[in-house]
Structures are given as structure tokens and as C-alpha cells.
Amino acid sequence: MVGIIVSVVIFNLISLKVKKRLTRGEMLQIWMFTALLQLVFDLFVSLKYHGYWYFNKGVDWGSLPVYLCLVPSVNVIFLNLYPLKRPLWKQLLFFLAWNVGIVLYEVLTLLPEPWGYFHYGWWKLYHSVLLNPFLLLILLGFYKLIGKMEQETLIRQV
């Protein structure tokens, strides 16, 4: 439990301190989208197919900080730092660096308790290596979608 508490505090402090590109409304939408996407994904991979789990198998109250406080804050950091208007090669390098960072963090979460809180069933590290870029692309696509929707709202108001 120590690992999740330390992680939540650190990543939430970073998400509050990092230079803001996202509006508060966008941050809230990203936060909610992230929590929902992770819950839906884990509903199948974790609960139905037992690919991995946090703390204990099955529905577990201890997993809530992961869903509600950890992953959303990391995604807010990712989007605030993303080199949106930079050349494609810089964006790809950013994706690669984040994938490496996420995988290294996952390795840390596999440590024994009290620091670790993540456990593998049939899931392996290479699944995360392959899946993380797609999840980050989904997140980036959602961010661009809400940006377009906010622009449309502003145009209608004028």
C-alpha cells in the first residue's frame, strides 16, 4: 500500500506543478475519460480473464486510487507535456520515452508489498510494451476531440 500512496502523491503533485496546456475543463474531461477507459479495460482483462490485478484478485477497494488518482494524473502530465506542434519525429520520440517510463514504472509496481501492488496472471510485460502506445494514442485522440468540440462551442457563442 505504501507504493500506491507514494505514487499518487508524487504524480498528483507533478500534475499540479507541470506547465499547464490543458484548461481545467479539459483536465476534468481527461480525468473522467481515463478513469472510465481503465475501468472498462480492467473489467475484462483483470476481472473476467484474470490477466492482472491490483492488490487482490477480484473487485478490491484498494484498487480505487489507481483508477481515480494515479492513472488520470499521469495522463494529465502526458498531455500537458506532449509536443503537439513539434515535428512528427519529436512526437514519436516522446511516445517512445513515455512508453519506456510507463513500463519501468510497471516493473516497480511488481515489487513485493508494501511497495508493489500489481500482480500478473497471464499478462506479461511485453503486453504493456505493445499496448501502451495505442492507449496513449486513444488519449491523444480524445484530447484533440474535446479541443475541437470546445472550439465549436466558442464559435457558436460568437
N, C-alpha and C. Protein backbone atom coordinates (compact mmCIF):
# COMPACT_ATOMS: atom_id res chain seq x y z
N MET A 1 0.82 -1.20 0.00
CA MET A 1 0.00 0.00 0.00
C MET A 1 0.86 1.26 0.00
N VAL A 2 2.07 1.15 0.51
CA VAL A 2 2.97 2.31 0.55
C VAL A 2 3.28 2.79 -0.86
N GLY A 3 3.51 1.86 -1.78
CA GLY A 3 3.86 2.22 -3.15
C GLY A 3 2.77 3.02 -3.84
N ILE A 4 1.53 2.63 -3.66
CA ILE A 4 0.43 3.36 -4.32
C ILE A 4 0.24 4.73 -3.70
N ILE A 5 0.36 4.82 -2.38
CA ILE A 5 0.19 6.13 -1.72
C ILE A 5 1.28 7.09 -2.16
N VAL A 6 2.52 6.63 -2.16
CA VAL A 6 3.64 7.47 -2.60
C VAL A 6 3.46 7.88 -4.06
N SER A 7 3.06 6.94 -4.91
CA SER A 7 2.85 7.24 -6.33
C SER A 7 1.76 8.25 -6.55
N VAL A 8 0.63 8.08 -5.86
CA VAL A 8 -0.49 9.01 -6.02
C VAL A 8 -0.06 10.41 -5.61
N VAL A 9 0.62 10.53 -4.49
CA VAL A 9 1.06 11.85 -4.02
C VAL A 9 2.03 12.47 -5.02
N ILE A 10 3.04 11.73 -5.44
CA ILE A 10 4.05 12.26 -6.35
C ILE A 10 3.44 12.68 -7.69
N PHE A 11 2.68 11.78 -8.32
CA PHE A 11 2.14 12.09 -9.64
C PHE A 11 1.08 13.20 -9.60
N ASN A 12 0.32 13.27 -8.52
CA ASN A 12 -0.65 14.36 -8.42
C ASN A 12 0.04 15.70 -8.18
N LEU A 13 1.11 15.71 -7.38
CA LEU A 13 1.88 16.95 -7.20
C LEU A 13 2.50 17.39 -8.52
N ILE A 14 3.05 16.45 -9.26
CA ILE A 14 3.63 16.79 -10.56
C ILE A 14 2.56 17.33 -11.50
N SER A 15 1.38 16.68 -11.51
CA SER A 15 0.32 17.14 -12.41
C SER A 15 -0.15 18.55 -12.05
N LEU A 16 -0.04 18.93 -10.79
CA LEU A 16 -0.42 20.28 -10.38
C LEU A 16 0.67 21.31 -10.69
N LYS A 17 1.92 20.86 -10.68
CA LYS A 17 3.06 21.78 -10.86
C LYS A 17 3.49 21.94 -12.31
N VAL A 18 3.24 20.95 -13.16
CA VAL A 18 3.73 21.00 -14.53
C VAL A 18 3.04 22.14 -15.28
N LYS A 19 3.74 22.72 -16.22
CA LYS A 19 3.20 23.82 -17.02
C LYS A 19 1.88 23.38 -17.66
N LYS A 20 0.88 24.22 -17.53
CA LYS A 20 -0.46 23.87 -17.97
C LYS A 20 -0.72 24.24 -19.42
N ARG A 21 -1.06 23.27 -20.22
CA ARG A 21 -1.60 23.49 -21.56
C ARG A 21 -3.11 23.26 -21.51
N LEU A 22 -3.51 22.31 -20.70
CA LEU A 22 -4.91 21.94 -20.59
C LEU A 22 -5.67 22.94 -19.72
N THR A 23 -6.89 23.22 -20.14
CA THR A 23 -7.77 24.02 -19.30
C THR A 23 -8.28 23.13 -18.17
N ARG A 24 -8.88 23.74 -17.18
CA ARG A 24 -9.44 22.94 -16.07
C ARG A 24 -10.54 22.03 -16.58
N GLY A 25 -11.33 22.51 -17.54
CA GLY A 25 -12.38 21.68 -18.13
C GLY A 25 -11.81 20.49 -18.87
N GLU A 26 -10.74 20.72 -19.62
CA GLU A 26 -10.10 19.62 -20.34
C GLU A 26 -9.49 18.62 -19.36
N MET A 27 -8.88 19.14 -18.29
CA MET A 27 -8.30 18.24 -17.28
C MET A 27 -9.38 17.36 -16.66
N LEU A 28 -10.53 17.94 -16.36
CA LEU A 28 -11.62 17.15 -15.79
C LEU A 28 -12.10 16.09 -16.78
N GLN A 29 -12.25 16.48 -18.04
CA GLN A 29 -12.69 15.52 -19.05
C GLN A 29 -11.67 14.41 -19.24
N ILE A 30 -10.39 14.75 -19.27
CA ILE A 30 -9.34 13.73 -19.39
C ILE A 30 -9.37 12.82 -18.17
N TRP A 31 -9.53 13.40 -17.00
CA TRP A 31 -9.56 12.63 -15.76
C TRP A 31 -10.69 11.59 -15.81
N MET A 32 -11.89 12.04 -16.18
CA MET A 32 -13.05 11.15 -16.22
C MET A 32 -12.91 10.10 -17.33
N PHE A 33 -12.44 10.52 -18.50
CA PHE A 33 -12.25 9.59 -19.61
C PHE A 33 -11.25 8.51 -19.24
N THR A 34 -10.14 8.92 -18.62
CA THR A 34 -9.11 7.97 -18.23
C THR A 34 -9.64 6.96 -17.23
N ALA A 35 -10.34 7.43 -16.22
CA ALA A 35 -10.88 6.52 -15.20
C ALA A 35 -11.86 5.54 -15.85
N LEU A 36 -12.73 6.03 -16.72
CA LEU A 36 -13.71 5.17 -17.37
C LEU A 36 -13.03 4.16 -18.28
N LEU A 37 -12.10 4.61 -19.11
CA LEU A 37 -11.42 3.70 -20.04
C LEU A 37 -10.67 2.61 -19.27
N GLN A 38 -9.99 2.98 -18.21
CA GLN A 38 -9.26 1.98 -17.45
C GLN A 38 -10.20 1.00 -16.76
N LEU A 39 -11.29 1.50 -16.21
CA LEU A 39 -12.27 0.62 -15.57
C LEU A 39 -12.87 -0.37 -16.56
N VAL A 40 -13.23 0.10 -17.75
CA VAL A 40 -13.81 -0.78 -18.76
C VAL A 40 -12.76 -1.81 -19.21
N PHE A 41 -11.54 -1.36 -19.46
CA PHE A 41 -10.48 -2.27 -19.90
C PHE A 41 -10.22 -3.33 -18.82
N ASP A 42 -10.09 -2.88 -17.58
CA ASP A 42 -9.80 -3.81 -16.49
C ASP A 42 -10.97 -4.72 -16.16
N LEU A 43 -12.18 -4.29 -16.46
CA LEU A 43 -13.35 -5.13 -16.26
C LEU A 43 -13.16 -6.46 -16.99
N PHE A 44 -12.61 -6.38 -18.19
CA PHE A 44 -12.41 -7.59 -18.96
C PHE A 44 -11.06 -8.24 -18.68
N VAL A 45 -9.98 -7.50 -18.86
CA VAL A 45 -8.64 -8.10 -18.74
C VAL A 45 -8.37 -8.58 -17.32
N SER A 46 -8.76 -7.80 -16.34
CA SER A 46 -8.48 -8.16 -14.96
C SER A 46 -9.56 -9.05 -14.35
N LEU A 47 -10.79 -8.58 -14.36
CA LEU A 47 -11.84 -9.31 -13.65
C LEU A 47 -12.36 -10.53 -14.40
N LYS A 48 -12.56 -10.42 -15.69
CA LYS A 48 -13.11 -11.55 -16.44
C LYS A 48 -12.04 -12.57 -16.82
N TYR A 49 -10.89 -12.09 -17.34
CA TYR A 49 -9.87 -13.01 -17.85
C TYR A 49 -8.67 -13.17 -16.92
N HIS A 50 -8.64 -12.47 -15.81
CA HIS A 50 -7.59 -12.61 -14.79
C HIS A 50 -6.18 -12.42 -15.34
N GLY A 51 -6.05 -11.42 -16.24
CA GLY A 51 -4.75 -11.12 -16.82
C GLY A 51 -3.80 -10.49 -15.81
N TYR A 52 -4.33 -9.63 -14.98
CA TYR A 52 -3.56 -8.98 -13.91
C TYR A 52 -4.55 -8.48 -12.88
N TRP A 53 -4.03 -7.99 -11.78
CA TRP A 53 -4.88 -7.40 -10.74
C TRP A 53 -4.03 -6.52 -9.86
N TYR A 54 -4.72 -5.64 -9.14
CA TYR A 54 -4.09 -4.76 -8.17
C TYR A 54 -4.38 -5.32 -6.79
N PHE A 55 -3.38 -5.43 -5.97
CA PHE A 55 -3.51 -5.91 -4.59
C PHE A 55 -4.07 -7.32 -4.51
N ASN A 56 -5.37 -7.51 -4.75
CA ASN A 56 -6.01 -8.82 -4.65
C ASN A 56 -6.85 -9.09 -5.89
N LYS A 57 -7.04 -10.36 -6.22
CA LYS A 57 -7.91 -10.71 -7.35
C LYS A 57 -9.33 -10.26 -7.06
N GLY A 58 -10.04 -9.93 -8.11
CA GLY A 58 -11.44 -9.54 -7.96
C GLY A 58 -11.59 -8.06 -7.69
N VAL A 59 -12.82 -7.69 -7.34
CA VAL A 59 -13.11 -6.29 -7.03
C VAL A 59 -12.47 -5.97 -5.68
N ASP A 60 -11.72 -4.88 -5.64
CA ASP A 60 -10.94 -4.57 -4.44
C ASP A 60 -10.94 -3.05 -4.22
N TRP A 61 -11.33 -2.62 -3.04
CA TRP A 61 -11.35 -1.20 -2.72
C TRP A 61 -9.97 -0.56 -2.85
N GLY A 62 -8.93 -1.33 -2.59
CA GLY A 62 -7.58 -0.81 -2.68
C GLY A 62 -7.18 -0.38 -4.08
N SER A 63 -7.90 -0.85 -5.09
CA SER A 63 -7.61 -0.50 -6.48
C SER A 63 -8.12 0.89 -6.86
N LEU A 64 -9.05 1.43 -6.10
CA LEU A 64 -9.65 2.72 -6.46
C LEU A 64 -8.63 3.84 -6.63
N PRO A 65 -7.60 3.95 -5.78
CA PRO A 65 -6.63 5.03 -6.03
C PRO A 65 -5.93 4.92 -7.39
N VAL A 66 -5.74 3.70 -7.89
CA VAL A 66 -5.14 3.52 -9.21
C VAL A 66 -6.06 4.12 -10.26
N TYR A 67 -7.34 3.77 -10.20
CA TYR A 67 -8.31 4.23 -11.19
C TYR A 67 -8.61 5.72 -11.10
N LEU A 68 -8.75 6.22 -9.88
CA LEU A 68 -9.26 7.57 -9.70
C LEU A 68 -8.18 8.64 -9.50
N CYS A 69 -6.99 8.24 -9.07
CA CYS A 69 -5.97 9.24 -8.71
C CYS A 69 -4.64 9.07 -9.43
N LEU A 70 -4.25 7.86 -9.75
CA LEU A 70 -2.92 7.65 -10.31
C LEU A 70 -2.89 7.80 -11.83
N VAL A 71 -3.58 6.94 -12.53
CA VAL A 71 -3.52 6.96 -14.00
C VAL A 71 -4.05 8.28 -14.57
N PRO A 72 -5.16 8.83 -14.06
CA PRO A 72 -5.60 10.12 -14.59
C PRO A 72 -4.56 11.24 -14.44
N SER A 73 -3.88 11.29 -13.30
CA SER A 73 -2.88 12.35 -13.12
C SER A 73 -1.70 12.15 -14.07
N VAL A 74 -1.31 10.91 -14.31
CA VAL A 74 -0.22 10.64 -15.26
C VAL A 74 -0.64 11.07 -16.66
N ASN A 75 -1.89 10.82 -17.03
CA ASN A 75 -2.35 11.22 -18.36
C ASN A 75 -2.43 12.74 -18.51
N VAL A 76 -2.78 13.43 -17.45
CA VAL A 76 -2.78 14.91 -17.48
C VAL A 76 -1.35 15.40 -17.68
N ILE A 77 -0.38 14.80 -17.00
CA ILE A 77 1.03 15.18 -17.19
C ILE A 77 1.44 14.93 -18.63
N PHE A 78 1.11 13.74 -19.15
CA PHE A 78 1.45 13.38 -20.53
C PHE A 78 0.93 14.44 -21.50
N LEU A 79 -0.35 14.80 -21.38
CA LEU A 79 -0.93 15.75 -22.33
C LEU A 79 -0.40 17.17 -22.14
N ASN A 80 -0.11 17.56 -20.92
CA ASN A 80 0.45 18.89 -20.69
C ASN A 80 1.86 19.02 -21.28
N LEU A 81 2.59 17.92 -21.33
CA LEU A 81 3.96 17.95 -21.85
C LEU A 81 4.08 17.55 -23.32
N TYR A 82 3.01 17.00 -23.88
CA TYR A 82 3.07 16.46 -25.25
C TYR A 82 3.47 17.55 -26.25
N PRO A 83 4.46 17.25 -27.11
CA PRO A 83 4.93 18.24 -28.10
C PRO A 83 4.01 18.33 -29.32
N LEU A 84 2.82 18.85 -29.11
CA LEU A 84 1.75 18.84 -30.10
C LEU A 84 2.12 19.52 -31.41
N LYS A 85 2.81 20.64 -31.35
CA LYS A 85 3.12 21.40 -32.56
C LYS A 85 4.57 21.23 -33.00
N ARG A 86 5.15 20.14 -32.62
CA ARG A 86 6.54 19.84 -32.99
C ARG A 86 6.54 18.85 -34.15
N PRO A 87 7.70 18.63 -34.77
CA PRO A 87 7.79 17.66 -35.87
C PRO A 87 7.40 16.25 -35.40
N LEU A 88 6.95 15.46 -36.35
CA LEU A 88 6.48 14.10 -36.06
C LEU A 88 7.54 13.27 -35.35
N TRP A 89 8.81 13.43 -35.72
CA TRP A 89 9.85 12.61 -35.10
C TRP A 89 9.98 12.93 -33.61
N LYS A 90 9.75 14.19 -33.22
CA LYS A 90 9.79 14.55 -31.80
C LYS A 90 8.59 13.95 -31.06
N GLN A 91 7.45 13.93 -31.72
CA GLN A 91 6.27 13.32 -31.11
C GLN A 91 6.48 11.81 -30.93
N LEU A 92 7.07 11.16 -31.93
CA LEU A 92 7.35 9.73 -31.83
C LEU A 92 8.37 9.44 -30.73
N LEU A 93 9.37 10.27 -30.63
CA LEU A 93 10.37 10.11 -29.57
C LEU A 93 9.73 10.30 -28.19
N PHE A 94 8.82 11.26 -28.10
CA PHE A 94 8.08 11.48 -26.85
C PHE A 94 7.27 10.23 -26.49
N PHE A 95 6.56 9.66 -27.48
CA PHE A 95 5.79 8.43 -27.24
C PHE A 95 6.71 7.31 -26.76
N LEU A 96 7.84 7.15 -27.41
CA LEU A 96 8.78 6.09 -27.04
C LEU A 96 9.28 6.29 -25.61
N ALA A 97 9.65 7.52 -25.28
CA ALA A 97 10.14 7.81 -23.93
C ALA A 97 9.07 7.53 -22.89
N TRP A 98 7.83 7.91 -23.17
CA TRP A 98 6.75 7.66 -22.22
C TRP A 98 6.47 6.16 -22.10
N ASN A 99 6.54 5.45 -23.20
CA ASN A 99 6.32 4.00 -23.12
C ASN A 99 7.38 3.35 -22.24
N VAL A 100 8.63 3.76 -22.41
CA VAL A 100 9.72 3.23 -21.57
C VAL A 100 9.46 3.58 -20.11
N GLY A 101 9.09 4.82 -19.84
CA GLY A 101 8.81 5.24 -18.47
C GLY A 101 7.66 4.48 -17.84
N ILE A 102 6.58 4.28 -18.60
CA ILE A 102 5.43 3.54 -18.08
C ILE A 102 5.81 2.10 -17.79
N VAL A 103 6.57 1.48 -18.67
CA VAL A 103 6.98 0.09 -18.47
C VAL A 103 7.92 -0.02 -17.26
N LEU A 104 8.83 0.92 -17.11
CA LEU A 104 9.71 0.90 -15.93
C LEU A 104 8.90 1.06 -14.64
N TYR A 105 7.90 1.93 -14.67
CA TYR A 105 7.05 2.08 -13.50
C TYR A 105 6.29 0.78 -13.23
N GLU A 106 5.81 0.14 -14.28
CA GLU A 106 5.10 -1.14 -14.10
C GLU A 106 6.01 -2.18 -13.44
N VAL A 107 7.27 -2.20 -13.82
CA VAL A 107 8.22 -3.13 -13.19
C VAL A 107 8.32 -2.83 -11.70
N LEU A 108 8.35 -1.55 -11.32
CA LEU A 108 8.39 -1.18 -9.90
C LEU A 108 7.13 -1.63 -9.16
N THR A 109 5.99 -1.57 -9.82
CA THR A 109 4.74 -1.97 -9.16
C THR A 109 4.67 -3.47 -8.93
N LEU A 110 5.54 -4.20 -9.59
CA LEU A 110 5.57 -5.66 -9.40
C LEU A 110 6.41 -6.08 -8.19
N LEU A 111 7.06 -5.11 -7.55
CA LEU A 111 7.83 -5.42 -6.34
C LEU A 111 6.90 -5.99 -5.28
N PRO A 112 7.45 -6.72 -4.33
CA PRO A 112 6.61 -7.22 -3.22
C PRO A 112 6.04 -6.07 -2.40
N GLU A 113 4.91 -6.33 -1.74
CA GLU A 113 4.32 -5.33 -0.85
C GLU A 113 5.30 -5.04 0.26
N PRO A 114 5.36 -3.84 0.76
CA PRO A 114 4.38 -2.77 0.68
C PRO A 114 4.59 -1.84 -0.52
N TRP A 115 5.69 -2.00 -1.28
CA TRP A 115 5.95 -1.09 -2.39
C TRP A 115 5.18 -1.46 -3.64
N GLY A 116 5.09 -2.73 -3.92
CA GLY A 116 4.38 -3.17 -5.11
C GLY A 116 2.91 -3.41 -4.83
N TYR A 117 2.11 -3.31 -5.89
CA TYR A 117 0.68 -3.54 -5.73
C TYR A 117 0.07 -4.19 -6.97
N PHE A 118 0.87 -4.49 -7.96
CA PHE A 118 0.40 -5.03 -9.23
C PHE A 118 0.86 -6.47 -9.35
N HIS A 119 -0.02 -7.33 -9.87
CA HIS A 119 0.30 -8.76 -9.98
C HIS A 119 -0.14 -9.26 -11.35
N TYR A 120 0.69 -10.13 -11.94
CA TYR A 120 0.38 -10.71 -13.24
C TYR A 120 -0.35 -12.04 -13.08
N GLY A 121 -1.32 -12.25 -13.97
CA GLY A 121 -1.88 -13.56 -14.21
C GLY A 121 -1.17 -14.05 -15.46
N TRP A 122 -1.88 -14.07 -16.59
CA TRP A 122 -1.25 -14.43 -17.86
C TRP A 122 -0.60 -13.21 -18.53
N TRP A 123 -0.90 -12.02 -18.07
CA TRP A 123 -0.34 -10.78 -18.63
C TRP A 123 1.16 -10.78 -18.45
N LYS A 124 1.88 -10.32 -19.44
CA LYS A 124 3.33 -10.19 -19.37
C LYS A 124 3.73 -8.75 -19.71
N LEU A 125 4.94 -8.39 -19.37
CA LEU A 125 5.41 -7.04 -19.61
C LEU A 125 5.33 -6.64 -21.08
N TYR A 126 5.57 -7.58 -21.98
CA TYR A 126 5.54 -7.23 -23.40
C TYR A 126 4.13 -6.84 -23.85
N HIS A 127 3.09 -7.33 -23.16
CA HIS A 127 1.74 -6.88 -23.49
C HIS A 127 1.62 -5.37 -23.27
N SER A 128 2.17 -4.91 -22.17
CA SER A 128 2.14 -3.47 -21.87
C SER A 128 2.97 -2.69 -22.87
N VAL A 129 4.15 -3.20 -23.21
CA VAL A 129 5.01 -2.52 -24.18
C VAL A 129 4.27 -2.32 -25.50
N LEU A 130 3.52 -3.33 -25.92
CA LEU A 130 2.80 -3.24 -27.20
C LEU A 130 1.52 -2.43 -27.10
N LEU A 131 0.83 -2.47 -25.97
CA LEU A 131 -0.46 -1.83 -25.83
C LEU A 131 -0.38 -0.35 -25.44
N ASN A 132 0.61 0.03 -24.66
CA ASN A 132 0.71 1.41 -24.16
C ASN A 132 0.66 2.47 -25.26
N PRO A 133 1.39 2.30 -26.38
CA PRO A 133 1.30 3.34 -27.42
C PRO A 133 -0.12 3.53 -27.95
N PHE A 134 -0.88 2.44 -28.07
CA PHE A 134 -2.25 2.56 -28.55
C PHE A 134 -3.13 3.29 -27.53
N LEU A 135 -2.91 3.00 -26.25
CA LEU A 135 -3.67 3.69 -25.22
C LEU A 135 -3.33 5.18 -25.19
N LEU A 136 -2.06 5.50 -25.38
CA LEU A 136 -1.66 6.90 -25.44
C LEU A 136 -2.23 7.60 -26.67
N LEU A 137 -2.31 6.88 -27.79
CA LEU A 137 -2.92 7.45 -28.99
C LEU A 137 -4.42 7.70 -28.80
N ILE A 138 -5.10 6.77 -28.12
CA ILE A 138 -6.52 6.96 -27.81
C ILE A 138 -6.68 8.21 -26.94
N LEU A 139 -5.83 8.34 -25.95
CA LEU A 139 -5.87 9.51 -25.07
C LEU A 139 -5.64 10.79 -25.86
N LEU A 140 -4.64 10.79 -26.70
CA LEU A 140 -4.34 11.97 -27.52
C LEU A 140 -5.50 12.29 -28.47
N GLY A 141 -6.10 11.26 -29.06
CA GLY A 141 -7.25 11.45 -29.93
C GLY A 141 -8.43 12.06 -29.18
N PHE A 142 -8.67 11.59 -27.95
CA PHE A 142 -9.75 12.14 -27.14
C PHE A 142 -9.47 13.61 -26.81
N TYR A 143 -8.23 13.92 -26.48
CA TYR A 143 -7.86 15.31 -26.19
C TYR A 143 -8.12 16.22 -27.40
N LYS A 144 -7.74 15.74 -28.58
CA LYS A 144 -7.97 16.54 -29.79
C LYS A 144 -9.47 16.69 -30.06
N LEU A 145 -10.24 15.65 -29.79
CA LEU A 145 -11.68 15.71 -29.98
C LEU A 145 -12.32 16.75 -29.07
N ILE A 146 -11.96 16.74 -27.79
CA ILE A 146 -12.57 17.72 -26.89
C ILE A 146 -12.10 19.14 -27.23
N GLY A 147 -10.88 19.26 -27.74
CA GLY A 147 -10.41 20.57 -28.19
C GLY A 147 -11.25 21.10 -29.35
N LYS A 148 -11.55 20.23 -30.32
CA LYS A 148 -12.40 20.64 -31.45
C LYS A 148 -13.80 20.98 -30.98
N MET A 149 -14.32 20.21 -30.06
CA MET A 149 -15.68 20.46 -29.56
C MET A 149 -15.74 21.79 -28.81
N GLU A 150 -14.71 22.10 -28.04
CA GLU A 150 -14.68 23.38 -27.33
C GLU A 150 -14.56 24.54 -28.31
N GLN A 151 -13.79 24.35 -29.38
CA GLN A 151 -13.67 25.39 -30.41
C GLN A 151 -15.02 25.65 -31.07
N GLU A 152 -15.76 24.56 -31.39
CA GLU A 152 -17.09 24.71 -31.99
C GLU A 152 -18.02 25.47 -31.05
N THR A 153 -17.92 25.18 -29.76
CA THR A 153 -18.76 25.87 -28.79
C THR A 153 -18.42 27.36 -28.76
N LEU A 154 -17.14 27.68 -28.79
CA LEU A 154 -16.73 29.09 -28.78
C LEU A 154 -17.21 29.81 -30.03
N ILE A 155 -17.13 29.16 -31.16
CA ILE A 155 -17.56 29.77 -32.44
C ILE A 155 -19.06 30.03 -32.41
N ARG A 156 -19.83 29.09 -31.87
CA ARG A 156 -21.29 29.28 -31.79
C ARG A 156 -21.66 30.42 -30.87
N GLN A 157 -20.87 30.64 -29.84
CA GLN A 157 -21.18 31.69 -28.88
C GLN A 157 -20.90 33.07 -29.42
N VAL A 158 -20.07 33.16 -30.44
CA VAL A 158 -19.69 34.47 -31.00
C VAL A 158 -20.68 34.96 -31.97
